[in-house]
Amino acid sequence: MRFLPGMLMLVLMMAAPARATTDVMPFRNEAQEQQFRQLTEQLRCPKCQNNSIADSNA
């Protein structure tokens, strides 16, 4: 029971960097975003059978 606070701190310290690794790049303009959406609808996911990249969870 006395290790619980230490374990909780360790888990929180390890979880924080995982959230910080999301690297989101904004689109420069509306046309670039539209092109991205069209490409993701057309390209097929190699892992998911018969799904586009936009529909894939992989």
C-alpha atoms as a PDB file:
ATOM      1  CA  MET A   1       0.000   0.000   0.000  1.00  0.00           C
ATOM      2  CA  ARG A   2       2.865   2.380   0.635  1.00  0.00           C
ATOM      3  CA  PHE A   3       4.151   1.868  -2.933  1.00  0.00           C
ATOM      4  CA  LEU A   4       0.884   3.068  -4.470  1.00  0.00           C
ATOM      5  CA  PRO A   5       1.744   6.810  -4.632  1.00  0.00           C
ATOM      6  CA  GLY A   6       5.132   6.039  -6.167  1.00  0.00           C
ATOM      7  CA  MET A   7       3.651   3.681  -8.744  1.00  0.00           C
ATOM      8  CA  LEU A   8       0.976   6.224  -9.630  1.00  0.00           C
ATOM      9  CA  MET A   9       3.634   8.903 -10.160  1.00  0.00           C
ATOM     10  CA  LEU A  10       5.661   6.544 -12.340  1.00  0.00           C
ATOM     11  CA  VAL A  11       2.664   5.708 -14.512  1.00  0.00           C
ATOM     12  CA  LEU A  12       1.766   9.388 -14.919  1.00  0.00           C
ATOM     13  CA  MET A  13       5.344  10.297 -15.827  1.00  0.00           C
ATOM     14  CA  MET A  14       5.468   7.584 -18.477  1.00  0.00           C
ATOM     15  CA  ALA A  15       2.057   8.483 -19.927  1.00  0.00           C
ATOM     16  CA  ALA A  16       2.771  12.204 -20.374  1.00  0.00           C
ATOM     17  CA  PRO A  17       5.336  11.865 -23.223  1.00  0.00           C
ATOM     18  CA  ALA A  18       3.017   9.539 -25.121  1.00  0.00           C
ATOM     19  CA  ARG A  19       0.467  12.324 -25.451  1.00  0.00           C
ATOM     20  CA  ALA A  20       3.124  14.841 -26.481  1.00  0.00           C
ATOM     21  CA  THR A  21       4.282  12.883 -29.543  1.00  0.00           C
ATOM     22  CA  THR A  22       1.316  13.849 -31.722  1.00  0.00           C
ATOM     23  CA  ASP A  23       2.797  15.947 -34.506  1.00  0.00           C
ATOM     24  CA  VAL A  24      -0.018  17.700 -36.342  1.00  0.00           C
ATOM     25  CA  MET A  25       0.864  19.789 -39.365  1.00  0.00           C
ATOM     26  CA  PRO A  26      -1.748  22.356 -40.387  1.00  0.00           C
ATOM     27  CA  PHE A  27      -2.756  22.764 -44.006  1.00  0.00           C
ATOM     28  CA  ARG A  28      -1.523  25.895 -45.740  1.00  0.00           C
ATOM     29  CA  ASN A  29      -4.802  26.522 -47.486  1.00  0.00           C
ATOM     30  CA  GLU A  30      -8.221  25.079 -48.268  1.00  0.00           C
ATOM     31  CA  ALA A  31      -7.066  23.529 -51.572  1.00  0.00           C
ATOM     32  CA  GLN A  32      -4.325  21.526 -49.861  1.00  0.00           C
ATOM     33  CA  GLU A  33      -6.815  20.137 -47.346  1.00  0.00           C
ATOM     34  CA  GLN A  34      -9.213  19.166 -50.144  1.00  0.00           C
ATOM     35  CA  GLN A  35      -6.408  17.406 -52.028  1.00  0.00           C
ATOM     36  CA  PHE A  36      -5.491  15.479 -48.871  1.00  0.00           C
ATOM     37  CA  ARG A  37      -9.081  14.348 -48.389  1.00  0.00           C
ATOM     38  CA  GLN A  38      -9.365  13.200 -52.012  1.00  0.00           C
ATOM     39  CA  LEU A  39      -6.113  11.236 -51.812  1.00  0.00           C
ATOM     40  CA  THR A  40      -7.066   9.474 -48.592  1.00  0.00           C
ATOM     41  CA  GLU A  41     -10.396   8.452 -50.118  1.00  0.00           C
ATOM     42  CA  GLN A  42      -8.705   7.050 -53.249  1.00  0.00           C
ATOM     43  CA  LEU A  43      -5.720   5.239 -51.719  1.00  0.00           C
ATOM     44  CA  ARG A  44      -6.333   1.773 -50.271  1.00  0.00           C
ATOM     45  CA  CYS A  45      -4.924   0.573 -46.967  1.00  0.00           C
ATOM     46  CA  PRO A  46      -2.573  -2.403 -47.491  1.00  0.00           C
ATOM     47  CA  LYS A  47      -3.503  -3.864 -44.108  1.00  0.00           C
ATOM     48  CA  CYS A  48      -7.297  -3.435 -44.151  1.00  0.00           C
ATOM     49  CA  GLN A  49      -9.118  -5.329 -46.826  1.00  0.00           C
ATOM     50  CA  ASN A  50     -11.130  -3.121 -49.183  1.00  0.00           C
ATOM     51  CA  ASN A  51     -10.864   0.041 -47.036  1.00  0.00           C
ATOM     52  CA  SER A  52      -9.543   3.425 -48.032  1.00  0.00           C
ATOM     53  CA  ILE A  53      -6.903   5.082 -45.879  1.00  0.00           C
ATOM     54  CA  ALA A  54      -9.569   7.519 -44.670  1.00  0.00           C
ATOM     55  CA  ASP A  55     -11.763   4.632 -43.443  1.00  0.00           C
ATOM     56  CA  SER A  56      -8.913   2.585 -41.974  1.00  0.00           C
ATOM     57  CA  ASN A  57      -8.148   2.368 -38.263  1.00  0.00           C
ATOM     58  CA  ALA A  58      -4.693   0.897 -38.893  1.00  0.00           C
END
